[in-house]
Amino acid sequence: MELLKMMRIVFWSFFGVRKRASHNADFAHVKLPLLPVVAVMLAGAFGLTLLTVAKLATGIAH
């Protein structure tokens, strides 16, 4: 459950649209040392997803 909360925090930070109250409430109940690790993992997964889609798109186009 803690991991899902951290993932939600990271996803919302990627989009950049949050109210300050919900932002503060999330940070009050999460382990901060693990948050950068989750953020890097999700950013890497997002990058790999974009790379895979780009490779598929260029492979189909040729």
N, C-alpha and C. Protein backbone atom coordinates (compact mmCIF):
# COMPACT_ATOMS: atom_id res chain seq x y z
N MET A 1 0.82 -1.19 0.00
CA MET A 1 0.00 0.00 0.00
C MET A 1 0.87 1.26 0.00
N GLU A 2 1.96 1.21 0.74
CA GLU A 2 2.88 2.35 0.79
C GLU A 2 3.46 2.64 -0.59
N LEU A 3 3.78 1.57 -1.33
CA LEU A 3 4.34 1.74 -2.67
C LEU A 3 3.32 2.41 -3.59
N LEU A 4 2.07 2.05 -3.47
CA LEU A 4 1.04 2.67 -4.31
C LEU A 4 0.88 4.15 -4.00
N LYS A 5 0.99 4.51 -2.74
CA LYS A 5 0.91 5.93 -2.36
C LYS A 5 2.08 6.70 -2.97
N MET A 6 3.27 6.10 -2.91
CA MET A 6 4.44 6.78 -3.48
C MET A 6 4.32 6.89 -4.99
N MET A 7 3.80 5.86 -5.63
CA MET A 7 3.61 5.93 -7.08
C MET A 7 2.61 7.02 -7.45
N ARG A 8 1.56 7.15 -6.67
CA ARG A 8 0.57 8.20 -6.93
C ARG A 8 1.19 9.58 -6.79
N ILE A 9 2.02 9.76 -5.77
CA ILE A 9 2.70 11.04 -5.57
C ILE A 9 3.59 11.36 -6.77
N VAL A 10 4.33 10.36 -7.23
CA VAL A 10 5.24 10.57 -8.35
C VAL A 10 4.48 10.85 -9.64
N PHE A 11 3.41 10.10 -9.89
CA PHE A 11 2.62 10.35 -11.10
C PHE A 11 2.05 11.76 -11.12
N TRP A 12 1.53 12.20 -9.98
CA TRP A 12 0.99 13.56 -9.91
C TRP A 12 2.09 14.59 -10.09
N SER A 13 3.29 14.31 -9.60
CA SER A 13 4.38 15.27 -9.78
C SER A 13 4.82 15.33 -11.23
N PHE A 14 4.69 14.23 -11.98
CA PHE A 14 5.00 14.26 -13.41
C PHE A 14 4.05 15.21 -14.14
N PHE A 15 2.78 15.20 -13.77
CA PHE A 15 1.80 16.06 -14.41
C PHE A 15 1.85 17.49 -13.90
N GLY A 16 2.22 17.67 -12.65
CA GLY A 16 2.39 19.00 -12.09
C GLY A 16 1.11 19.71 -11.69
N VAL A 17 0.02 19.00 -11.58
CA VAL A 17 -1.24 19.62 -11.16
C VAL A 17 -1.70 18.98 -9.86
N ARG A 18 -1.57 19.73 -8.79
CA ARG A 18 -1.99 19.26 -7.46
C ARG A 18 -2.36 20.43 -6.59
N LYS A 19 -3.24 20.19 -5.68
CA LYS A 19 -3.54 21.20 -4.68
C LYS A 19 -2.57 21.03 -3.52
N ARG A 20 -2.22 22.12 -2.88
CA ARG A 20 -1.23 22.09 -1.82
C ARG A 20 -1.69 21.22 -0.65
N ALA A 21 -2.95 21.22 -0.34
CA ALA A 21 -3.45 20.44 0.79
C ALA A 21 -3.25 18.94 0.57
N SER A 22 -3.56 18.47 -0.61
CA SER A 22 -3.38 17.04 -0.87
C SER A 22 -1.90 16.69 -0.97
N HIS A 23 -1.11 17.61 -1.48
CA HIS A 23 0.34 17.40 -1.54
C HIS A 23 0.92 17.24 -0.14
N ASN A 24 0.55 18.13 0.77
CA ASN A 24 1.04 18.06 2.15
C ASN A 24 0.53 16.82 2.87
N ALA A 25 -0.70 16.43 2.60
CA ALA A 25 -1.26 15.24 3.24
C ALA A 25 -0.52 13.99 2.80
N ASP A 26 -0.16 13.91 1.53
CA ASP A 26 0.59 12.75 1.05
C ASP A 26 1.97 12.67 1.67
N PHE A 27 2.65 13.79 1.75
CA PHE A 27 4.01 13.78 2.29
C PHE A 27 4.04 13.54 3.79
N ALA A 28 2.94 13.72 4.46
CA ALA A 28 2.89 13.48 5.90
C ALA A 28 2.90 11.98 6.23
N HIS A 29 2.51 11.14 5.27
CA HIS A 29 2.36 9.71 5.55
C HIS A 29 3.22 8.81 4.68
N VAL A 30 4.33 9.32 4.15
CA VAL A 30 5.15 8.51 3.27
C VAL A 30 6.60 8.56 3.74
N LYS A 31 7.34 7.49 3.45
CA LYS A 31 8.76 7.44 3.80
C LYS A 31 9.56 8.15 2.72
N LEU A 32 10.10 9.30 3.07
CA LEU A 32 10.77 10.13 2.08
C LEU A 32 12.03 9.53 1.47
N PRO A 33 12.85 8.75 2.19
CA PRO A 33 14.05 8.21 1.54
C PRO A 33 13.76 7.27 0.36
N LEU A 34 12.61 6.64 0.35
CA LEU A 34 12.27 5.73 -0.74
C LEU A 34 11.64 6.44 -1.94
N LEU A 35 11.18 7.65 -1.74
CA LEU A 35 10.46 8.36 -2.80
C LEU A 35 11.34 8.63 -4.03
N PRO A 36 12.59 9.08 -3.89
CA PRO A 36 13.41 9.26 -5.10
C PRO A 36 13.67 7.96 -5.86
N VAL A 37 13.77 6.86 -5.15
CA VAL A 37 13.98 5.57 -5.80
C VAL A 37 12.76 5.22 -6.66
N VAL A 38 11.59 5.41 -6.12
CA VAL A 38 10.36 5.15 -6.87
C VAL A 38 10.26 6.09 -8.06
N ALA A 39 10.62 7.35 -7.87
CA ALA A 39 10.56 8.33 -8.96
C ALA A 39 11.50 7.95 -10.09
N VAL A 40 12.72 7.53 -9.78
CA VAL A 40 13.67 7.13 -10.82
C VAL A 40 13.19 5.89 -11.55
N MET A 41 12.64 4.94 -10.81
CA MET A 41 12.14 3.72 -11.44
C MET A 41 10.97 4.03 -12.39
N LEU A 42 10.05 4.87 -11.96
CA LEU A 42 8.91 5.21 -12.82
C LEU A 42 9.35 6.04 -14.02
N ALA A 43 10.30 6.93 -13.83
CA ALA A 43 10.81 7.72 -14.96
C ALA A 43 11.50 6.80 -15.97
N GLY A 44 12.26 5.84 -15.48
CA GLY A 44 12.90 4.88 -16.37
C GLY A 44 11.89 4.04 -17.12
N ALA A 45 10.86 3.59 -16.44
CA ALA A 45 9.81 2.80 -17.08
C ALA A 45 9.09 3.63 -18.14
N PHE A 46 8.85 4.90 -17.84
CA PHE A 46 8.20 5.79 -18.80
C PHE A 46 9.10 5.98 -20.03
N GLY A 47 10.39 6.18 -19.80
CA GLY A 47 11.34 6.34 -20.90
C GLY A 47 11.42 5.10 -21.77
N LEU A 48 11.46 3.93 -21.14
CA LEU A 48 11.50 2.69 -21.91
C LEU A 48 10.22 2.48 -22.70
N THR A 49 9.11 2.88 -22.13
CA THR A 49 7.84 2.78 -22.85
C THR A 49 7.85 3.66 -24.10
N LEU A 50 8.33 4.90 -23.94
CA LEU A 50 8.41 5.80 -25.09
C LEU A 50 9.38 5.26 -26.15
N LEU A 51 10.50 4.72 -25.71
CA LEU A 51 11.47 4.15 -26.63
C LEU A 51 10.88 2.97 -27.40
N THR A 52 10.17 2.11 -26.71
CA THR A 52 9.55 0.96 -27.34
C THR A 52 8.49 1.38 -28.36
N VAL A 53 7.68 2.35 -28.00
CA VAL A 53 6.66 2.84 -28.93
C VAL A 53 7.32 3.46 -30.15
N ALA A 54 8.39 4.21 -29.95
CA ALA A 54 9.09 4.84 -31.08
C ALA A 54 9.70 3.78 -32.00
N LYS A 55 10.30 2.75 -31.40
CA LYS A 55 10.89 1.68 -32.22
C LYS A 55 9.81 0.93 -32.99
N LEU A 56 8.68 0.68 -32.35
CA LEU A 56 7.58 0.01 -33.06
C LEU A 56 7.04 0.88 -34.18
N ALA A 57 6.92 2.17 -33.92
CA ALA A 57 6.37 3.09 -34.92
C ALA A 57 7.32 3.20 -36.12
N THR A 58 8.61 3.26 -35.87
CA THR A 58 9.55 3.37 -36.99
C THR A 58 9.68 2.03 -37.70
N GLY A 59 9.52 0.94 -36.99
CA GLY A 59 9.57 -0.37 -37.62
C GLY A 59 8.39 -0.61 -38.52
N ILE A 60 7.24 -0.14 -38.12
CA ILE A 60 6.03 -0.29 -38.93
C ILE A 60 6.08 0.63 -40.13
N ALA A 61 6.67 1.82 -39.99
CA ALA A 61 6.71 2.80 -41.06
C ALA A 61 7.62 2.37 -42.21
N HIS A 62 8.61 1.55 -41.93
CA HIS A 62 9.56 1.13 -42.98
C HIS A 62 9.15 -0.11 -43.66
